[in-house]
Amino acid sequence: MNIDDFQALINKMYSDKDRERGSAATFLWLCEEVGELAAALREGSHEDKCGEFADVLAWLVTLANINDVNLSKALHAKYGDGCPGCGRMICTCQTKP
Protein backbone atom coordinates (compact mmCIF):
# COMPACT_ATOMS: atom_id res chain seq x y z
CA MET A 1 0.00 0.00 0.00
CA ASN A 2 1.40 3.42 -0.89
CA ILE A 3 0.83 6.69 0.95
CA ASP A 4 -2.03 7.81 -1.32
CA ASP A 5 -3.79 4.47 -0.84
CA PHE A 6 -3.36 4.61 2.93
CA GLN A 7 -4.55 8.20 3.12
CA ALA A 8 -7.65 7.31 1.07
CA LEU A 9 -8.31 4.23 3.23
CA ILE A 10 -8.13 6.20 6.49
CA ASN A 11 -10.33 8.90 4.97
CA LYS A 12 -12.92 6.31 3.89
CA MET A 13 -12.97 4.58 7.28
CA TYR A 14 -12.90 7.57 9.61
CA SER A 15 -13.48 10.86 7.77
CA ASP A 16 -16.80 11.84 9.34
CA LYS A 17 -15.62 11.20 12.92
CA ASP A 18 -12.24 12.78 12.28
CA ARG A 19 -13.61 16.02 10.84
CA GLU A 20 -16.10 16.26 13.70
CA ARG A 21 -13.27 15.87 16.25
CA GLY A 22 -11.20 18.59 14.57
CA SER A 23 -7.51 19.32 14.34
CA ALA A 24 -6.78 20.17 17.96
CA ALA A 25 -8.23 16.98 19.43
CA THR A 26 -6.75 14.88 16.64
CA PHE A 27 -3.34 16.35 17.31
CA LEU A 28 -3.67 15.32 20.96
CA TRP A 29 -4.46 11.76 19.85
CA LEU A 30 -1.36 11.83 17.63
CA CYS A 31 0.74 12.98 20.59
CA GLU A 32 -0.65 10.18 22.74
CA GLU A 33 0.28 7.65 20.06
CA VAL A 34 3.80 9.09 19.83
CA GLY A 35 4.07 8.55 23.59
CA GLU A 36 2.97 4.94 23.17
CA LEU A 37 5.57 4.53 20.42
CA ALA A 38 8.23 5.91 22.76
CA ALA A 39 7.29 3.32 25.38
CA ALA A 40 7.35 0.52 22.79
CA LEU A 41 10.78 1.63 21.55
CA ARG A 42 12.05 1.61 25.10
CA GLU A 43 10.69 -1.71 26.26
CA GLY A 44 8.29 -3.26 23.76
CA SER A 45 8.53 -6.26 21.52
CA HIS A 46 9.06 -5.95 17.79
CA GLU A 47 5.32 -6.56 17.34
CA ASP A 48 4.53 -3.74 19.80
CA LYS A 49 6.82 -1.38 17.87
CA CYS A 50 5.22 -2.29 14.54
CA GLY A 51 1.74 -1.63 15.91
CA GLU A 52 2.70 1.71 17.41
CA PHE A 53 4.48 2.88 14.24
CA ALA A 54 1.29 2.03 12.33
CA ASP A 55 -0.86 3.93 14.84
CA VAL A 56 1.36 7.04 14.68
CA LEU A 57 1.22 6.99 10.89
CA ALA A 58 -2.56 6.53 10.91
CA TRP A 59 -3.08 9.51 13.23
CA LEU A 60 -0.68 11.65 11.19
CA VAL A 61 -2.63 10.75 8.04
CA THR A 62 -5.86 11.55 9.86
CA LEU A 63 -4.55 14.99 10.77
CA ALA A 64 -3.49 15.56 7.16
CA ASN A 65 -6.90 14.47 5.89
CA ILE A 66 -8.88 16.84 8.06
CA ASN A 67 -6.57 19.66 7.01
CA ASP A 68 -6.88 18.76 3.30
CA VAL A 69 -3.16 17.97 2.93
CA ASN A 70 -2.17 15.36 0.37
CA LEU A 71 0.85 13.76 2.03
CA SER A 72 2.31 12.34 -1.20
CA LYS A 73 2.32 15.78 -2.78
CA ALA A 74 3.67 17.40 0.38
CA LEU A 75 6.47 14.84 0.68
CA HIS A 76 7.41 15.16 -2.96
CA ALA A 77 7.40 18.97 -2.78
CA LYS A 78 9.67 19.00 0.27
CA TYR A 79 11.91 15.96 -0.25
CA GLY A 80 11.45 14.86 -3.87
CA ASP A 81 14.57 16.66 -5.09
CA GLY A 82 16.75 15.76 -2.10
CA CYS A 83 17.59 17.35 1.21
CA PRO A 84 15.65 20.58 1.75
CA GLY A 85 18.80 22.14 3.21
CA CYS A 86 21.53 21.32 0.70
CA GLY A 87 19.44 20.02 -2.19
CA ARG A 88 21.44 16.79 -2.52
CA MET A 89 20.18 13.21 -2.39
CA ILE A 90 22.89 12.37 0.12
CA CYS A 91 22.73 15.17 2.66
CA THR A 92 25.93 17.14 3.14
CA CYS A 93 24.51 19.68 5.60
CA GLN A 94 26.74 20.32 8.57
CA THR A 95 23.72 21.04 10.77
CA LYS A 96 20.14 19.89 10.76
CA PRO A 97 18.18 21.67 7.95
PDB file of N, CA and C in Angstrom:
ATOM      1  N   MET A   1       0.848  -1.172   0.000  1.00  0.00           N
ATOM      2  CA  MET A   1       0.000   0.000   0.000  1.00  0.00           C
ATOM      3  C   MET A   1       0.899   1.242   0.000  1.00  0.00           C
ATOM      4  N   ASN A   2       0.617   2.188  -0.888  1.00  0.00           N
ATOM      5  CA  ASN A   2       1.399   3.422  -0.894  1.00  0.00           C
ATOM      6  C   ASN A   2       0.720   4.493  -0.040  1.00  0.00           C
ATOM      7  N   ILE A   3       1.343   5.633   0.074  1.00  0.00           N
ATOM      8  CA  ILE A   3       0.828   6.689   0.952  1.00  0.00           C
ATOM      9  C   ILE A   3      -0.542   7.178   0.491  1.00  0.00           C
ATOM     10  N   ASP A   4      -0.717   7.373  -0.825  1.00  0.00           N
ATOM     11  CA  ASP A   4      -2.026   7.807  -1.323  1.00  0.00           C
ATOM     12  C   ASP A   4      -3.109   6.795  -0.979  1.00  0.00           C
ATOM     13  N   ASP A   5      -2.810   5.510  -1.160  1.00  0.00           N
ATOM     14  CA  ASP A   5      -3.786   4.466  -0.842  1.00  0.00           C
ATOM     15  C   ASP A   5      -4.143   4.484   0.643  1.00  0.00           C
ATOM     16  N   PHE A   6      -3.126   4.608   1.483  1.00  0.00           N
ATOM     17  CA  PHE A   6      -3.363   4.610   2.926  1.00  0.00           C
ATOM     18  C   PHE A   6      -4.159   5.844   3.346  1.00  0.00           C
ATOM     19  N   GLN A   7      -3.832   6.989   2.778  1.00  0.00           N
ATOM     20  CA  GLN A   7      -4.549   8.205   3.120  1.00  0.00           C
ATOM     21  C   GLN A   7      -6.020   8.082   2.701  1.00  0.00           C
ATOM     22  N   ALA A   8      -6.274   7.511   1.535  1.00  0.00           N
ATOM     23  CA  ALA A   8      -7.646   7.309   1.073  1.00  0.00           C
ATOM     24  C   ALA A   8      -8.386   6.298   1.956  1.00  0.00           C
ATOM     25  N   LEU A   9      -7.699   5.238   2.369  1.00  0.00           N
ATOM     26  CA  LEU A   9      -8.310   4.230   3.233  1.00  0.00           C
ATOM     27  C   LEU A   9      -8.722   4.829   4.578  1.00  0.00           C
ATOM     28  N   ILE A  10      -7.814   5.566   5.201  1.00  0.00           N
ATOM     29  CA  ILE A  10      -8.128   6.203   6.489  1.00  0.00           C
ATOM     30  C   ILE A  10      -9.274   7.192   6.321  1.00  0.00           C
ATOM     31  N   ASN A  11      -9.255   7.942   5.232  1.00  0.00           N
ATOM     32  CA  ASN A  11     -10.331   8.902   4.970  1.00  0.00           C
ATOM     33  C   ASN A  11     -11.672   8.178   4.838  1.00  0.00           C
ATOM     34  N   LYS A  12     -11.684   7.066   4.096  1.00  0.00           N
ATOM     35  CA  LYS A  12     -12.920   6.305   3.893  1.00  0.00           C
ATOM     36  C   LYS A  12     -13.446   5.742   5.212  1.00  0.00           C
ATOM     37  N   MET A  13     -12.557   5.224   6.035  1.00  0.00           N
ATOM     38  CA  MET A  13     -12.974   4.582   7.283  1.00  0.00           C
ATOM     39  C   MET A  13     -13.414   5.583   8.353  1.00  0.00           C
ATOM     40  N   TYR A  14     -12.727   6.720   8.434  1.00  0.00           N
ATOM     41  CA  TYR A  14     -12.900   7.571   9.611  1.00  0.00           C
ATOM     42  C   TYR A  14     -13.237   9.037   9.348  1.00  0.00           C
ATOM     43  N   SER A  15     -13.379   9.440   8.112  1.00  0.00           N
ATOM     44  CA  SER A  15     -13.478  10.860   7.770  1.00  0.00           C
ATOM     45  C   SER A  15     -14.525  11.631   8.567  1.00  0.00           C
ATOM     46  N   ASP A  16     -15.737  11.100   8.657  1.00  0.00           N
ATOM     47  CA  ASP A  16     -16.804  11.837   9.342  1.00  0.00           C
ATOM     48  C   ASP A  16     -16.447  12.096  10.802  1.00  0.00           C
ATOM     49  N   LYS A  17     -16.008  11.046  11.511  1.00  0.00           N
ATOM     50  CA  LYS A  17     -15.619  11.204  12.924  1.00  0.00           C
ATOM     51  C   LYS A  17     -14.444  12.149  13.068  1.00  0.00           C
ATOM     52  N   ASP A  18     -13.466  11.994  12.170  1.00  0.00           N
ATOM     53  CA  ASP A  18     -12.240  12.784  12.279  1.00  0.00           C
ATOM     54  C   ASP A  18     -12.520  14.271  12.090  1.00  0.00           C
ATOM     55  N   ARG A  19     -13.313  14.611  11.097  1.00  0.00           N
ATOM     56  CA  ARG A  19     -13.612  16.023  10.840  1.00  0.00           C
ATOM     57  C   ARG A  19     -14.446  16.613  11.971  1.00  0.00           C
ATOM     58  N   GLU A  20     -15.306  15.802  12.558  1.00  0.00           N
ATOM     59  CA  GLU A  20     -16.100  16.261  13.700  1.00  0.00           C
ATOM     60  C   GLU A  20     -15.196  16.553  14.907  1.00  0.00           C
ATOM     61  N   ARG A  21     -14.196  15.705  15.123  1.00  0.00           N
ATOM     62  CA  ARG A  21     -13.270  15.868  16.249  1.00  0.00           C
ATOM     63  C   ARG A  21     -12.429  17.121  16.079  1.00  0.00           C
ATOM     64  N   GLY A  22     -11.991  17.395  14.856  1.00  0.00           N
ATOM     65  CA  GLY A  22     -11.200  18.588  14.575  1.00  0.00           C
ATOM     66  C   GLY A  22      -9.705  18.387  14.764  1.00  0.00           C
ATOM     67  N   SER A  23      -8.975  19.392  14.334  1.00  0.00           N
ATOM     68  CA  SER A  23      -7.506  19.318  14.342  1.00  0.00           C
ATOM     69  C   SER A  23      -6.906  19.266  15.739  1.00  0.00           C
ATOM     70  N   ALA A  24      -7.396  20.097  16.637  1.00  0.00           N
ATOM     71  CA  ALA A  24      -6.780  20.173  17.963  1.00  0.00           C
ATOM     72  C   ALA A  24      -6.874  18.838  18.706  1.00  0.00           C
ATOM     73  N   ALA A  25      -8.053  18.248  18.728  1.00  0.00           N
ATOM     74  CA  ALA A  25      -8.234  16.976  19.434  1.00  0.00           C
ATOM     75  C   ALA A  25      -7.491  15.851  18.719  1.00  0.00           C
ATOM     76  N   THR A  26      -7.471  15.895  17.398  1.00  0.00           N
ATOM     77  CA  THR A  26      -6.753  14.876  16.638  1.00  0.00           C
ATOM     78  C   THR A  26      -5.256  14.967  16.897  1.00  0.00           C
ATOM     79  N   PHE A  27      -4.754  16.181  16.999  1.00  0.00           N
ATOM     80  CA  PHE A  27      -3.336  16.353  17.311  1.00  0.00           C
ATOM     81  C   PHE A  27      -3.003  15.754  18.680  1.00  0.00           C
ATOM     82  N   LEU A  28      -3.889  15.914  19.639  1.00  0.00           N
ATOM     83  CA  LEU A  28      -3.666  15.316  20.962  1.00  0.00           C
ATOM     84  C   LEU A  28      -3.628  13.791  20.876  1.00  0.00           C
ATOM     85  N   TRP A  29      -4.497  13.204  20.046  1.00  0.00           N
ATOM     86  CA  TRP A  29      -4.459  11.755  19.850  1.00  0.00           C
ATOM     87  C   TRP A  29      -3.124  11.336  19.237  1.00  0.00           C
ATOM     88  N   LEU A  30      -2.661  12.120  18.250  1.00  0.00           N
ATOM     89  CA  LEU A  30      -1.360  11.826  17.630  1.00  0.00           C
ATOM     90  C   LEU A  30      -0.258  11.864  18.687  1.00  0.00           C
ATOM     91  N   CYS A  31      -0.283  12.863  19.533  1.00  0.00           N
ATOM     92  CA  CYS A  31       0.738  12.980  20.589  1.00  0.00           C
ATOM     93  C   CYS A  31       0.683  11.785  21.534  1.00  0.00           C
ATOM     94  N   GLU A  32      -0.513  11.343  21.872  1.00  0.00           N
ATOM     95  CA  GLU A  32      -0.650  10.177  22.742  1.00  0.00           C
ATOM     96  C   GLU A  32      -0.041   8.941  22.078  1.00  0.00           C
ATOM     97  N   GLU A  33      -0.284   8.791  20.784  1.00  0.00           N
ATOM     98  CA  GLU A  33       0.278   7.651  20.062  1.00  0.00           C
ATOM     99  C   GLU A  33       1.802   7.733  19.980  1.00  0.00           C
ATOM    100  N   VAL A  34       2.340   8.935  19.837  1.00  0.00           N
ATOM    101  CA  VAL A  34       3.803   9.095  19.834  1.00  0.00           C
ATOM    102  C   VAL A  34       4.361   8.667  21.190  1.00  0.00           C
ATOM    103  N   GLY A  35       3.657   8.994  22.259  1.00  0.00           N
ATOM    104  CA  GLY A  35       4.071   8.546  23.585  1.00  0.00           C
ATOM    105  C   GLY A  35       4.059   7.030  23.708  1.00  0.00           C
ATOM    106  N   GLU A  36       3.032   6.399  23.141  1.00  0.00           N
ATOM    107  CA  GLU A  36       2.972   4.940  23.167  1.00  0.00           C
ATOM    108  C   GLU A  36       4.100   4.333  22.326  1.00  0.00           C
ATOM    109  N   LEU A  37       4.439   4.989  21.232  1.00  0.00           N
ATOM    110  CA  LEU A  37       5.570   4.527  20.421  1.00  0.00           C
ATOM    111  C   LEU A  37       6.865   4.636  21.220  1.00  0.00           C
ATOM    112  N   ALA A  38       7.026   5.737  21.944  1.00  0.00           N
ATOM    113  CA  ALA A  38       8.234   5.915  22.762  1.00  0.00           C
ATOM    114  C   ALA A  38       8.363   4.778  23.779  1.00  0.00           C
ATOM    115  N   ALA A  39       7.258   4.409  24.406  1.00  0.00           N
ATOM    116  CA  ALA A  39       7.289   3.318  25.379  1.00  0.00           C
ATOM    117  C   ALA A  39       7.636   1.992  24.697  1.00  0.00           C
ATOM    118  N   ALA A  40       7.065   1.763  23.513  1.00  0.00           N
ATOM    119  CA  ALA A  40       7.353   0.521  22.787  1.00  0.00           C
ATOM    120  C   ALA A  40       8.816   0.468  22.355  1.00  0.00           C
ATOM    121  N   LEU A  41       9.366   1.595  21.939  1.00  0.00           N
ATOM    122  CA  LEU A  41      10.782   1.628  21.548  1.00  0.00           C
ATOM    123  C   LEU A  41      11.682   1.333  22.740  1.00  0.00           C
ATOM    124  N   ARG A  42      11.255   1.793  23.895  1.00  0.00           N
ATOM    125  CA  ARG A  42      12.053   1.606  25.096  1.00  0.00           C
ATOM    126  C   ARG A  42      11.999   0.178  25.612  1.00  0.00           C
ATOM    127  N   GLU A  43      10.790  -0.421  25.597  1.00  0.00           N
ATOM    128  CA  GLU A  43      10.686  -1.713  26.261  1.00  0.00           C
ATOM    129  C   GLU A  43       9.739  -2.702  25.582  1.00  0.00           C
ATOM    130  N   GLY A  44       9.252  -2.391  24.415  1.00  0.00           N
ATOM    131  CA  GLY A  44       8.292  -3.256  23.759  1.00  0.00           C
ATOM    132  C   GLY A  44       8.925  -4.293  22.855  1.00  0.00           C
ATOM    133  N   SER A  45       8.099  -5.231  22.476  1.00  0.00           N
ATOM    134  CA  SER A  45       8.529  -6.256  21.521  1.00  0.00           C
ATOM    135  C   SER A  45       8.534  -5.654  20.115  1.00  0.00           C
ATOM    136  N   HIS A  46       9.072  -6.409  19.174  1.00  0.00           N
ATOM    137  CA  HIS A  46       9.059  -5.954  17.787  1.00  0.00           C
ATOM    138  C   HIS A  46       7.613  -5.762  17.313  1.00  0.00           C
ATOM    139  N   GLU A  47       6.741  -6.658  17.708  1.00  0.00           N
ATOM    140  CA  GLU A  47       5.321  -6.562  17.344  1.00  0.00           C
ATOM    141  C   GLU A  47       4.695  -5.294  17.930  1.00  0.00           C
ATOM    142  N   ASP A  48       5.024  -4.971  19.172  1.00  0.00           N
ATOM    143  CA  ASP A  48       4.527  -3.737  19.798  1.00  0.00           C
ATOM    144  C   ASP A  48       4.984  -2.513  19.003  1.00  0.00           C
ATOM    145  N   LYS A  49       6.262  -2.507  18.637  1.00  0.00           N
ATOM    146  CA  LYS A  49       6.820  -1.380  17.871  1.00  0.00           C
ATOM    147  C   LYS A  49       6.112  -1.230  16.535  1.00  0.00           C
ATOM    148  N   CYS A  50       5.902  -2.341  15.839  1.00  0.00           N
ATOM    149  CA  CYS A  50       5.217  -2.292  14.537  1.00  0.00           C
ATOM    150  C   CYS A  50       3.820  -1.699  14.683  1.00  0.00           C
ATOM    151  N   GLY A  51       3.097  -2.143  15.686  1.00  0.00           N
ATOM    152  CA  GLY A  51       1.744  -1.627  15.913  1.00  0.00           C
ATOM    153  C   GLY A  51       1.731  -0.152  16.230  1.00  0.00           C
ATOM    154  N   GLU A  52       2.662   0.295  17.042  1.00  0.00           N
ATOM    155  CA  GLU A  52       2.704   1.710  17.410  1.00  0.00           C
ATOM    156  C   GLU A  52       3.156   2.590  16.255  1.00  0.00           C
ATOM    157  N   PHE A  53       4.103   2.118  15.440  1.00  0.00           N
ATOM    158  CA  PHE A  53       4.475   2.880  14.242  1.00  0.00           C
ATOM    159  C   PHE A  53       3.256   3.042  13.339  1.00  0.00           C
ATOM    160  N   ALA A  54       2.487   1.967  13.169  1.00  0.00           N
ATOM    161  CA  ALA A  54       1.286   2.029  12.330  1.00  0.00           C
ATOM    162  C   ALA A  54       0.271   3.014  12.897  1.00  0.00           C
ATOM    163  N   ASP A  55       0.089   2.995  14.219  1.00  0.00           N
ATOM    164  CA  ASP A  55      -0.860   3.927  14.844  1.00  0.00           C
ATOM    165  C   ASP A  55      -0.434   5.375  14.663  1.00  0.00           C
ATOM    166  N   VAL A  56       0.860   5.661  14.849  1.00  0.00           N
ATOM    167  CA  VAL A  56       1.355   7.037  14.676  1.00  0.00           C
ATOM    168  C   VAL A  56       1.125   7.490  13.238  1.00  0.00           C
ATOM    169  N   LEU A  57       1.425   6.629  12.295  1.00  0.00           N
ATOM    170  CA  LEU A  57       1.225   6.992  10.895  1.00  0.00           C
ATOM    171  C   LEU A  57      -0.255   7.221  10.599  1.00  0.00           C
ATOM    172  N   ALA A  58      -1.119   6.373  11.140  1.00  0.00           N
ATOM    173  CA  ALA A  58      -2.557   6.530  10.913  1.00  0.00           C
ATOM    174  C   ALA A  58      -3.073   7.858  11.466  1.00  0.00           C
ATOM    175  N   TRP A  59      -2.624   8.237  12.655  1.00  0.00           N
ATOM    176  CA  TRP A  59      -3.085   9.506  13.227  1.00  0.00           C
ATOM    177  C   TRP A  59      -2.482  10.703  12.499  1.00  0.00           C
ATOM    178  N   LEU A  60      -1.264  10.588  11.994  1.00  0.00           N
ATOM    179  CA  LEU A  60      -0.681  11.653  11.186  1.00  0.00           C
ATOM    180  C   LEU A  60      -1.473  11.821   9.891  1.00  0.00           C
ATOM    181  N   VAL A  61      -1.816  10.707   9.255  1.00  0.00           N
ATOM    182  CA  VAL A  61      -2.626  10.748   8.037  1.00  0.00           C
ATOM    183  C   VAL A  61      -4.000  11.352   8.334  1.00  0.00           C
ATOM    184  N   THR A  62      -4.578  10.985   9.459  1.00  0.00           N
ATOM    185  CA  THR A  62      -5.864  11.552   9.856  1.00  0.00           C
ATOM    186  C   THR A  62      -5.775  13.068   9.964  1.00  0.00           C
ATOM    187  N   LEU A  63      -4.745  13.547  10.611  1.00  0.00           N
ATOM    188  CA  LEU A  63      -4.553  14.989  10.765  1.00  0.00           C
ATOM    189  C   LEU A  63      -4.380  15.653   9.406  1.00  0.00           C
ATOM    190  N   ALA A  64      -3.640  15.024   8.522  1.00  0.00           N
ATOM    191  CA  ALA A  64      -3.485  15.559   7.162  1.00  0.00           C
ATOM    192  C   ALA A  64      -4.833  15.593   6.443  1.00  0.00           C
ATOM    193  N   ASN A  65      -5.598  14.527   6.555  1.00  0.00           N
ATOM    194  CA  ASN A  65      -6.898  14.471   5.891  1.00  0.00           C
ATOM    195  C   ASN A  65      -7.822  15.590   6.327  1.00  0.00           C
ATOM    196  N   ILE A  66      -7.927  15.812   7.613  1.00  0.00           N
ATOM    197  CA  ILE A  66      -8.884  16.835   8.065  1.00  0.00           C
ATOM    198  C   ILE A  66      -8.379  18.251   7.790  1.00  0.00           C
ATOM    199  N   ASN A  67      -7.114  18.356   7.399  1.00  0.00           N
ATOM    200  CA  ASN A  67      -6.570  19.659   7.006  1.00  0.00           C
ATOM    201  C   ASN A  67      -6.352  19.746   5.491  1.00  0.00           C
ATOM    202  N   ASP A  68      -6.933  18.783   4.766  1.00  0.00           N
ATOM    203  CA  ASP A  68      -6.882  18.762   3.298  1.00  0.00           C
ATOM    204  C   ASP A  68      -5.459  18.821   2.750  1.00  0.00           C
ATOM    205  N   VAL A  69      -4.551  18.068   3.382  1.00  0.00           N
ATOM    206  CA  VAL A  69      -3.161  17.973   2.933  1.00  0.00           C
ATOM    207  C   VAL A  69      -2.952  16.603   2.296  1.00  0.00           C
ATOM    208  N   ASN A  70      -2.543  16.584   1.040  1.00  0.00           N
ATOM    209  CA  ASN A  70      -2.175  15.355   0.371  1.00  0.00           C
ATOM    210  C   ASN A  70      -0.715  15.077   0.728  1.00  0.00           C
ATOM    211  N   LEU A  71      -0.499  14.031   1.526  1.00  0.00           N
ATOM    212  CA  LEU A  71       0.847  13.765   2.026  1.00  0.00           C
ATOM    213  C   LEU A  71       1.832  13.398   0.922  1.00  0.00           C
ATOM    214  N   SER A  72       1.394  12.674  -0.092  1.00  0.00           N
ATOM    215  CA  SER A  72       2.311  12.340  -1.195  1.00  0.00           C
ATOM    216  C   SER A  72       2.821  13.605  -1.868  1.00  0.00           C
ATOM    217  N   LYS A  73       1.919  14.523  -2.144  1.00  0.00           N
ATOM    218  CA  LYS A  73       2.320  15.776  -2.779  1.00  0.00           C
ATOM    219  C   LYS A  73       3.212  16.593  -1.856  1.00  0.00           C
ATOM    220  N   ALA A  74       2.863  16.638  -0.575  1.00  0.00           N
ATOM    221  CA  ALA A  74       3.667  17.405   0.385  1.00  0.00           C
ATOM    222  C   ALA A  74       5.074  16.814   0.516  1.00  0.00           C
ATOM    223  N   LEU A  75       5.157  15.495   0.574  1.00  0.00           N
ATOM    224  CA  LEU A  75       6.466  14.841   0.680  1.00  0.00           C
ATOM    225  C   LEU A  75       7.307  15.080  -0.568  1.00  0.00           C
ATOM    226  N   HIS A  76       6.671  14.937  -1.719  1.00  0.00           N
ATOM    227  CA  HIS A  76       7.408  15.158  -2.960  1.00  0.00           C
ATOM    228  C   HIS A  76       7.885  16.605  -3.068  1.00  0.00           C
ATOM    229  N   ALA A  77       7.019  17.554  -2.702  1.00  0.00           N
ATOM    230  CA  ALA A  77       7.400  18.968  -2.785  1.00  0.00           C
ATOM    231  C   ALA A  77       8.576  19.280  -1.869  1.00  0.00           C
ATOM    232  N   LYS A  78       8.609  18.679  -0.688  1.00  0.00           N
ATOM    233  CA  LYS A  78       9.668  19.003   0.272  1.00  0.00           C
ATOM    234  C   LYS A  78      10.929  18.169   0.087  1.00  0.00           C
ATOM    235  N   TYR A  79      10.771  16.876  -0.223  1.00  0.00           N
ATOM    236  CA  TYR A  79      11.911  15.964  -0.247  1.00  0.00           C
ATOM    237  C   TYR A  79      12.177  15.306  -1.594  1.00  0.00           C
ATOM    238  N   GLY A  80      11.338  15.546  -2.583  1.00  0.00           N
ATOM    239  CA  GLY A  80      11.448  14.862  -3.868  1.00  0.00           C
ATOM    240  C   GLY A  80      12.724  15.152  -4.633  1.00  0.00           C
ATOM    241  N   ASP A  81      13.333  16.306  -4.388  1.00  0.00           N
ATOM    242  CA  ASP A  81      14.571  16.664  -5.085  1.00  0.00           C
ATOM    243  C   ASP A  81      15.794  16.539  -4.190  1.00  0.00           C
ATOM    244  N   GLY A  82      15.628  15.935  -3.025  1.00  0.00           N
ATOM    245  CA  GLY A  82      16.749  15.762  -2.103  1.00  0.00           C
ATOM    246  C   GLY A  82      16.547  16.523  -0.811  1.00  0.00           C
ATOM    247  N   CYS A  83      17.608  16.666  -0.087  1.00  0.00           N
ATOM    248  CA  CYS A  83      17.594  17.345   1.207  1.00  0.00           C
ATOM    249  C   CYS A  83      17.094  18.782   1.042  1.00  0.00           C
ATOM    250  N   PRO A  84      16.125  19.201   1.850  1.00  0.00           N
ATOM    251  CA  PRO A  84      15.651  20.582   1.747  1.00  0.00           C
ATOM    252  C   PRO A  84      16.728  21.619   2.083  1.00  0.00           C
ATOM    253  N   GLY A  85      17.738  21.211   2.836  1.00  0.00           N
ATOM    254  CA  GLY A  85      18.805  22.143   3.211  1.00  0.00           C
ATOM    255  C   GLY A  85      19.852  22.331   2.130  1.00  0.00           C
ATOM    256  N   CYS A  86      20.436  21.224   1.674  1.00  0.00           N
ATOM    257  CA  CYS A  86      21.533  21.315   0.701  1.00  0.00           C
ATOM    258  C   CYS A  86      21.114  20.957  -0.720  1.00  0.00           C
ATOM    259  N   GLY A  87      19.932  20.365  -0.871  1.00  0.00           N
ATOM    260  CA  GLY A  87      19.439  20.016  -2.192  1.00  0.00           C
ATOM    261  C   GLY A  87      20.025  18.745  -2.778  1.00  0.00           C
ATOM    262  N   ARG A  88      20.795  18.003  -2.009  1.00  0.00           N
ATOM    263  CA  ARG A  88      21.439  16.787  -2.516  1.00  0.00           C
ATOM    264  C   ARG A  88      20.701  15.543  -2.028  1.00  0.00           C
ATOM    265  N   MET A  89      20.822  14.473  -2.798  1.00  0.00           N
ATOM    266  CA  MET A  89      20.180  13.214  -2.395  1.00  0.00           C
ATOM    267  C   MET A  89      20.882  12.614  -1.176  1.00  0.00           C
ATOM    268  N   ILE A  90      22.166  12.762  -1.079  1.00  0.00           N
ATOM    269  CA  ILE A  90      22.893  12.365   0.122  1.00  0.00           C
ATOM    270  C   ILE A  90      23.243  13.667   0.837  1.00  0.00           C
ATOM    271  N   CYS A  91      22.605  13.888   1.956  1.00  0.00           N
ATOM    272  CA  CYS A  91      22.732  15.175   2.661  1.00  0.00           C
ATOM    273  C   CYS A  91      24.178  15.456   3.047  1.00  0.00           C
ATOM    274  N   THR A  92      24.583  16.679   2.759  1.00  0.00           N
ATOM    275  CA  THR A  92      25.930  17.136   3.143  1.00  0.00           C
ATOM    276  C   THR A  92      25.853  18.325   4.104  1.00  0.00           C
ATOM    277  N   CYS A  93      24.664  18.573   4.637  1.00  0.00           N
ATOM    278  CA  CYS A  93      24.509  19.675   5.597  1.00  0.00           C
ATOM    279  C   CYS A  93      25.365  19.417   6.832  1.00  0.00           C
ATOM    280  N   GLN A  94      25.963  20.467   7.348  1.00  0.00           N
ATOM    281  CA  GLN A  94      26.741  20.321   8.574  1.00  0.00           C
ATOM    282  C   GLN A  94      25.859  20.364   9.806  1.00  0.00           C
ATOM    283  N   THR A  95      24.701  20.984   9.674  1.00  0.00           N
ATOM    284  CA  THR A  95      23.722  21.041  10.767  1.00  0.00           C
ATOM    285  C   THR A  95      22.391  20.577  10.240  1.00  0.00           C
ATOM    286  N   LYS A  96      21.477  20.327  11.126  1.00  0.00           N
ATOM    287  CA  LYS A  96      20.137  19.888  10.755  1.00  0.00           C
ATOM    288  C   LYS A  96      19.441  20.980   9.957  1.00  0.00           C
ATOM    289  N   PRO A  97      18.879  20.645   8.747  1.00  0.00           N
ATOM    290  CA  PRO A  97      18.184  21.669   7.951  1.00  0.00           C
ATOM    291  C   PRO A  97      16.912  22.162   8.607  1.00  0.00           C
TER     292      PRO A  97
END
